[in-house]
C-alpha atoms as a PDB file:
ATOM      1  CA  UNK A   1       0.000   0.000   0.000  1.00  0.00           C
ATOM      2  CA  UNK A   2       2.977   2.345   0.472  1.00  0.00           C
ATOM      3  CA  UNK A   3       3.646   2.356  -3.250  1.00  0.00           C
ATOM      4  CA  UNK A   4       0.132   3.726  -3.773  1.00  0.00           C
ATOM      5  CA  UNK A   5       0.982   6.930  -1.914  1.00  0.00           C
ATOM      6  CA  UNK A   6       1.691  10.217  -3.673  1.00  0.00           C
ATOM      7  CA  UNK A   7       5.308  10.559  -4.851  1.00  0.00           C
ATOM      8  CA  UNK A   8       5.915   6.861  -4.210  1.00  0.00           C
ATOM      9  CA  UNK A   9       8.253   6.822  -7.211  1.00  0.00           C
ATOM     10  CA  UNK A  10      10.844   8.311  -4.817  1.00  0.00           C
ATOM     11  CA  UNK A  11      10.272   5.565  -2.239  1.00  0.00           C
ATOM     12  CA  UNK A  12      12.740   2.748  -1.693  1.00  0.00           C
ATOM     13  CA  UNK A  13      11.949   0.016   0.837  1.00  0.00           C
ATOM     14  CA  UNK A  14      14.694  -1.873   2.688  1.00  0.00           C
ATOM     15  CA  UNK A  15      13.932  -4.659   5.144  1.00  0.00           C
ATOM     16  CA  UNK A  16      15.470  -4.450   8.619  1.00  0.00           C
ATOM     17  CA  UNK A  17      14.599  -6.055  11.955  1.00  0.00           C
ATOM     18  CA  UNK A  18      14.930  -4.076  15.187  1.00  0.00           C
ATOM     19  CA  UNK A  19      16.298  -7.134  16.979  1.00  0.00           C
ATOM     20  CA  UNK A  20      18.910  -7.961  14.327  1.00  0.00           C
ATOM     21  CA  UNK A  21      21.966  -5.874  13.496  1.00  0.00           C
ATOM     22  CA  UNK A  22      22.031  -7.109   9.900  1.00  0.00           C
ATOM     23  CA  UNK A  23      20.152  -4.917   7.441  1.00  0.00           C
ATOM     24  CA  UNK A  24      20.703  -1.529   9.036  1.00  0.00           C
ATOM     25  CA  UNK A  25      23.886  -0.807   7.083  1.00  0.00           C
ATOM     26  CA  UNK A  26      21.964  -1.163   3.838  1.00  0.00           C
ATOM     27  CA  UNK A  27      19.078   0.897   5.182  1.00  0.00           C
ATOM     28  CA  UNK A  28      21.246   3.819   6.323  1.00  0.00           C
ATOM     29  CA  UNK A  29      23.939   3.736   3.650  1.00  0.00           C
ATOM     30  CA  UNK A  30      23.951   6.907   1.494  1.00  0.00           C
ATOM     31  CA  UNK A  31      21.475   8.612   3.835  1.00  0.00           C
ATOM     32  CA  UNK A  32      22.090  12.131   5.070  1.00  0.00           C
ATOM     33  CA  UNK A  33      19.221  12.053   7.563  1.00  0.00           C
ATOM     34  CA  UNK A  34      17.645   9.222   9.539  1.00  0.00           C
ATOM     35  CA  UNK A  35      14.236   9.372  11.210  1.00  0.00           C
ATOM     36  CA  UNK A  36      13.940   6.487  13.668  1.00  0.00           C
ATOM     37  CA  UNK A  37      10.228   5.996  14.319  1.00  0.00           C
ATOM     38  CA  UNK A  38      10.075   2.214  14.722  1.00  0.00           C
ATOM     39  CA  UNK A  39       9.175   0.838  18.139  1.00  0.00           C
ATOM     40  CA  UNK A  40       7.003  -2.099  19.204  1.00  0.00           C
ATOM     41  CA  UNK A  41       3.776  -1.061  20.905  1.00  0.00           C
ATOM     42  CA  UNK A  42       1.552  -2.915  23.374  1.00  0.00           C
ATOM     43  CA  UNK A  43      -1.080  -5.148  21.822  1.00  0.00           C
ATOM     44  CA  UNK A  44      -4.214  -3.622  23.321  1.00  0.00           C
ATOM     45  CA  UNK A  45      -6.324  -6.358  21.778  1.00  0.00           C
ATOM     46  CA  UNK A  46      -4.679  -9.063  23.883  1.00  0.00           C
ATOM     47  CA  UNK A  47      -3.427  -7.663  27.176  1.00  0.00           C
ATOM     48  CA  UNK A  48      -3.642 -11.114  28.783  1.00  0.00           C
ATOM     49  CA  UNK A  49      -0.549 -12.119  26.839  1.00  0.00           C
ATOM     50  CA  UNK A  50       1.335  -8.966  27.735  1.00  0.00           C
ATOM     51  CA  UNK A  51       5.103  -9.513  27.803  1.00  0.00           C
ATOM     52  CA  UNK A  52       7.172  -6.464  28.698  1.00  0.00           C
ATOM     53  CA  UNK A  53      10.346  -7.842  27.138  1.00  0.00           C
ATOM     54  CA  UNK A  54       8.617  -8.193  23.783  1.00  0.00           C
ATOM     55  CA  UNK A  55       8.795  -4.448  23.227  1.00  0.00           C
ATOM     56  CA  UNK A  56      11.322  -3.145  25.784  1.00  0.00           C
ATOM     57  CA  UNK A  57      14.193  -5.229  24.412  1.00  0.00           C
ATOM     58  CA  UNK A  58      13.493  -4.499  20.707  1.00  0.00           C
ATOM     59  CA  UNK A  59      13.015  -0.798  21.450  1.00  0.00           C
ATOM     60  CA  UNK A  60      16.415  -0.499  23.121  1.00  0.00           C
ATOM     61  CA  UNK A  61      18.383  -2.950  20.973  1.00  0.00           C
ATOM     62  CA  UNK A  62      16.789  -1.646  17.796  1.00  0.00           C
ATOM     63  CA  UNK A  63      17.766   1.906  18.700  1.00  0.00           C
ATOM     64  CA  UNK A  64      21.319   0.720  19.304  1.00  0.00           C
ATOM     65  CA  UNK A  65      21.411  -0.891  15.857  1.00  0.00           C
ATOM     66  CA  UNK A  66      20.196   2.299  14.209  1.00  0.00           C
ATOM     67  CA  UNK A  67      22.695   4.429  16.127  1.00  0.00           C
ATOM     68  CA  UNK A  68      25.582   2.167  15.119  1.00  0.00           C
ATOM     69  CA  UNK A  69      24.594   2.437  11.462  1.00  0.00           C
ATOM     70  CA  UNK A  70      24.238   6.233  11.707  1.00  0.00           C
ATOM     71  CA  UNK A  71      27.716   6.516  13.161  1.00  0.00           C
ATOM     72  CA  UNK A  72      29.256   4.185  10.582  1.00  0.00           C
ATOM     73  CA  UNK A  73      27.764   6.037   7.631  1.00  0.00           C
ATOM     74  CA  UNK A  74      28.410   9.512   9.055  1.00  0.00           C
ATOM     75  CA  UNK A  75      24.910  10.894   8.745  1.00  0.00           C
ATOM     76  CA  UNK A  76      24.214  14.563   9.432  1.00  0.00           C
ATOM     77  CA  UNK A  77      21.223  14.282  11.749  1.00  0.00           C
ATOM     78  CA  UNK A  78      19.012  11.672  13.365  1.00  0.00           C
ATOM     79  CA  UNK A  79      15.434  12.390  14.453  1.00  0.00           C
ATOM     80  CA  UNK A  80      14.313  10.010  17.179  1.00  0.00           C
ATOM     81  CA  UNK A  81      10.661   9.384  17.959  1.00  0.00           C
ATOM     82  CA  UNK A  82      10.418   9.193  21.728  1.00  0.00           C
ATOM     83  CA  UNK A  83       7.211   9.691  23.713  1.00  0.00           C
ATOM     84  CA  UNK A  84       5.780  11.975  26.341  1.00  0.00           C
ATOM     85  CA  UNK A  85       5.724   8.821  28.464  1.00  0.00           C
ATOM     86  CA  UNK A  86       9.527   9.033  28.605  1.00  0.00           C
ATOM     87  CA  UNK A  87       9.437  12.219  30.637  1.00  0.00           C
ATOM     88  CA  UNK A  88       6.570  11.852  33.062  1.00  0.00           C
ATOM     89  CA  UNK A  89       4.897   9.234  35.206  1.00  0.00           C
ATOM     90  CA  UNK A  90       1.125   8.989  34.826  1.00  0.00           C
ATOM     91  CA  UNK A  91       0.388  10.529  38.239  1.00  0.00           C
ATOM     92  CA  UNK A  92       2.346  13.668  37.394  1.00  0.00           C
ATOM     93  CA  UNK A  93      -0.328  14.834  34.963  1.00  0.00           C
ATOM     94  CA  UNK A  94      -2.351  15.748  38.041  1.00  0.00           C
ATOM     95  CA  UNK A  95       0.455  17.693  39.736  1.00  0.00           C
ATOM     96  CA  UNK A  96       1.114  20.345  37.085  1.00  0.00           C
ATOM     97  CA  UNK A  97       4.743  19.329  36.775  1.00  0.00           C
ATOM     98  CA  UNK A  98       6.829  21.439  34.399  1.00  0.00           C
ATOM     99  CA  UNK A  99       8.579  19.142  31.934  1.00  0.00           C
ATOM    100  CA  UNK A 100      11.944  20.029  30.420  1.00  0.00           C
ATOM    101  CA  UNK A 101      14.912  18.260  28.841  1.00  0.00           C
ATOM    102  CA  UNK A 102      16.158  17.122  32.233  1.00  0.00           C
ATOM    103  CA  UNK A 103      12.939  15.344  33.206  1.00  0.00           C
ATOM    104  CA  UNK A 104      12.749  11.565  32.848  1.00  0.00           C
ATOM    105  CA  UNK A 105      10.231   8.930  33.806  1.00  0.00           C
ATOM    106  CA  UNK A 106      11.482   7.043  36.846  1.00  0.00           C
ATOM    107  CA  UNK A 107      11.821   3.530  35.423  1.00  0.00           C
ATOM    108  CA  UNK A 108      12.763   2.143  38.840  1.00  0.00           C
ATOM    109  CA  UNK A 109       9.577   3.287  40.567  1.00  0.00           C
ATOM    110  CA  UNK A 110       7.722  -0.012  40.356  1.00  0.00           C
ATOM    111  CA  UNK A 111       5.929   0.518  37.048  1.00  0.00           C
ATOM    112  CA  UNK A 112       3.894  -2.580  36.252  1.00  0.00           C
ATOM    113  CA  UNK A 113       1.157  -2.033  33.670  1.00  0.00           C
ATOM    114  CA  UNK A 114       1.415  -2.499  29.925  1.00  0.00           C
ATOM    115  CA  UNK A 115       1.403   1.278  29.515  1.00  0.00           C
ATOM    116  CA  UNK A 116       4.158   1.619  32.114  1.00  0.00           C
ATOM    117  CA  UNK A 117       6.304  -0.930  30.284  1.00  0.00           C
ATOM    118  CA  UNK A 118       5.907   1.090  27.111  1.00  0.00           C
ATOM    119  CA  UNK A 119       7.108   4.142  29.053  1.00  0.00           C
ATOM    120  CA  UNK A 120      10.125   2.161  30.267  1.00  0.00           C
ATOM    121  CA  UNK A 121      10.939   1.140  26.686  1.00  0.00           C
ATOM    122  CA  UNK A 122      10.747   4.700  25.385  1.00  0.00           C
ATOM    123  CA  UNK A 123      12.653   6.133  28.342  1.00  0.00           C
ATOM    124  CA  UNK A 124      15.520   3.660  28.077  1.00  0.00           C
ATOM    125  CA  UNK A 125      15.706   4.039  24.303  1.00  0.00           C
ATOM    126  CA  UNK A 126      15.880   7.826  24.401  1.00  0.00           C
ATOM    127  CA  UNK A 127      18.415   7.829  27.210  1.00  0.00           C
ATOM    128  CA  UNK A 128      20.522   5.485  25.090  1.00  0.00           C
ATOM    129  CA  UNK A 129      20.361   7.942  22.185  1.00  0.00           C
ATOM    130  CA  UNK A 130      21.700  10.876  24.183  1.00  0.00           C
ATOM    131  CA  UNK A 131      24.409   8.802  25.860  1.00  0.00           C
ATOM    132  CA  UNK A 132      25.523   7.428  22.499  1.00  0.00           C
ATOM    133  CA  UNK A 133      25.740  10.894  20.957  1.00  0.00           C
ATOM    134  CA  UNK A 134      27.691  12.183  23.962  1.00  0.00           C
ATOM    135  CA  UNK A 135      30.047   9.189  24.024  1.00  0.00           C
ATOM    136  CA  UNK A 136      30.864   9.708  20.347  1.00  0.00           C
ATOM    137  CA  UNK A 137      31.571  13.433  20.659  1.00  0.00           C
ATOM    138  CA  UNK A 138      28.424  14.557  18.845  1.00  0.00           C
ATOM    139  CA  UNK A 139      29.414  12.693  15.673  1.00  0.00           C
ATOM    140  CA  UNK A 140      25.990  13.544  14.296  1.00  0.00           C
ATOM    141  CA  UNK A 141      23.190  15.885  15.319  1.00  0.00           C
ATOM    142  CA  UNK A 142      20.182  14.456  17.102  1.00  0.00           C
ATOM    143  CA  UNK A 143      16.649  15.675  17.775  1.00  0.00           C
ATOM    144  CA  UNK A 144      13.978  13.883  19.817  1.00  0.00           C
ATOM    145  CA  UNK A 145      10.231  14.260  19.253  1.00  0.00           C
ATOM    146  CA  UNK A 146       7.986  13.363  22.202  1.00  0.00           C
ATOM    147  CA  UNK A 147       4.379  13.010  21.036  1.00  0.00           C
ATOM    148  CA  UNK A 148       1.497  11.950  23.249  1.00  0.00           C
ATOM    149  CA  UNK A 149      -1.168   9.506  22.023  1.00  0.00           C
ATOM    150  CA  UNK A 150      -1.106   9.741  18.234  1.00  0.00           C
ATOM    151  CA  UNK A 151      -4.428   9.614  16.391  1.00  0.00           C
ATOM    152  CA  UNK A 152      -5.637  10.424  12.908  1.00  0.00           C
ATOM    153  CA  UNK A 153      -5.737   8.851   9.440  1.00  0.00           C
ATOM    154  CA  UNK A 154      -3.926   5.522   9.058  1.00  0.00           C
ATOM    155  CA  UNK A 155      -1.965   4.440   5.995  1.00  0.00           C
ATOM    156  CA  UNK A 156      -3.452   0.957   5.988  1.00  0.00           C
ATOM    157  CA  UNK A 157      -7.062   0.797   7.275  1.00  0.00           C
ATOM    158  CA  UNK A 158      -6.788  -2.992   7.511  1.00  0.00           C
ATOM    159  CA  UNK A 159      -4.130  -2.645  10.221  1.00  0.00           C
ATOM    160  CA  UNK A 160      -5.356  -0.241  12.904  1.00  0.00           C
ATOM    161  CA  UNK A 161      -3.110  -0.494  15.971  1.00  0.00           C
ATOM    162  CA  UNK A 162      -1.909   1.494  18.967  1.00  0.00           C
ATOM    163  CA  UNK A 163      -3.642   4.749  19.835  1.00  0.00           C
ATOM    164  CA  UNK A 164      -5.854   4.591  16.755  1.00  0.00           C
ATOM    165  CA  UNK A 165      -7.116   1.154  17.768  1.00  0.00           C
ATOM    166  CA  UNK A 166      -7.775   2.372  21.317  1.00  0.00           C
ATOM    167  CA  UNK A 167     -10.060   5.118  19.994  1.00  0.00           C
ATOM    168  CA  UNK A 168     -11.755   2.698  17.624  1.00  0.00           C
ATOM    169  CA  UNK A 169     -12.094   0.126  20.412  1.00  0.00           C
ATOM    170  CA  UNK A 170     -13.852   2.570  22.732  1.00  0.00           C
ATOM    171  CA  UNK A 171     -16.242   3.565  19.933  1.00  0.00           C
ATOM    172  CA  UNK A 172     -17.084  -0.043  19.047  1.00  0.00           C
ATOM    173  CA  UNK A 173     -17.120  -1.360  22.618  1.00  0.00           C
ATOM    174  CA  UNK A 174     -14.130  -3.658  22.092  1.00  0.00           C
ATOM    175  CA  UNK A 175     -12.243  -1.637  24.691  1.00  0.00           C
ATOM    176  CA  UNK A 176     -13.901  -0.331  27.865  1.00  0.00           C
ATOM    177  CA  UNK A 177     -14.013   3.425  28.213  1.00  0.00           C
ATOM    178  CA  UNK A 178     -11.061   4.401  30.391  1.00  0.00           C
ATOM    179  CA  UNK A 179     -11.339   6.912  33.230  1.00  0.00           C
ATOM    180  CA  UNK A 180      -7.983   8.549  32.609  1.00  0.00           C
ATOM    181  CA  UNK A 181      -6.546  11.869  31.531  1.00  0.00           C
ATOM    182  CA  UNK A 182      -4.986  11.669  28.109  1.00  0.00           C
ATOM    183  CA  UNK A 183      -3.562  14.130  25.617  1.00  0.00           C
ATOM    184  CA  UNK A 184      -3.716  13.495  21.884  1.00  0.00           C
ATOM    185  CA  UNK A 185      -1.867  14.731  18.821  1.00  0.00           C
ATOM    186  CA  UNK A 186      -2.778  14.384  15.161  1.00  0.00           C
ATOM    187  CA  UNK A 187      -0.463  12.056  13.231  1.00  0.00           C
ATOM    188  CA  UNK A 188      -0.164  14.651  10.462  1.00  0.00           C
ATOM    189  CA  UNK A 189       1.216  17.185  12.925  1.00  0.00           C
ATOM    190  CA  UNK A 190       3.647  14.581  14.252  1.00  0.00           C
ATOM    191  CA  UNK A 191       4.826  13.886  10.694  1.00  0.00           C
ATOM    192  CA  UNK A 192       5.327  17.606  10.010  1.00  0.00           C
ATOM    193  CA  UNK A 193       7.282  17.958  13.268  1.00  0.00           C
ATOM    194  CA  UNK A 194       9.624  15.164  12.210  1.00  0.00           C
ATOM    195  CA  UNK A 195      10.274  16.719   8.814  1.00  0.00           C
ATOM    196  CA  UNK A 196      10.853  20.109  10.427  1.00  0.00           C
ATOM    197  CA  UNK A 197      13.230  18.563  12.963  1.00  0.00           C
ATOM    198  CA  UNK A 198      15.088  16.864  10.144  1.00  0.00           C
ATOM    199  CA  UNK A 199      15.539  19.892   7.890  1.00  0.00           C
ATOM    200  CA  UNK A 200      15.573  22.995  10.105  1.00  0.00           C
ATOM    201  CA  UNK A 201      19.114  24.400  10.371  1.00  0.00           C
ATOM    202  CA  UNK A 202      20.737  24.117  13.779  1.00  0.00           C
ATOM    203  CA  UNK A 203      20.518  27.417  15.656  1.00  0.00           C
END
């Protein structure tokens, strides 16, 4: 379905697995910019089979594989898709906490739910990014985008997952209505933010 999109003649697809180092060299080779958006998400349709390691390990190891390839091929800038869950625990929404670049979710605070495990995955992955960049003397520029729950049009209507499925599930009754506070962002705005972060000159 990706080849049916506008300007798909400029699209080249390369297969790579977050859990396997092989494939990332080919994916990143000849690239000037890399936008790393891939991360496993909780399967909200089957929480009974929730396994934290199934998305924490790929999130962290996959980020490491991408970083290694970026360093090897001397890219200019990497844009990393993190999450607002990487900088705040759920209870802090009620405390009017000011969030800045020095704020991180406390991954050692006994987080246990599927949503908490996702926060752990995103927190550890983003922390890895900044440590890697620092350890390699800022070999390439890096920008992190921290969206909240992403909703909006999907590329493939036959595969509705994540935040989009949660909204659909509450409308259809497949998912109980949740008594929580939640912020949302349109996927088109998230996409524009990534492109802007990729191309805007460093100030």
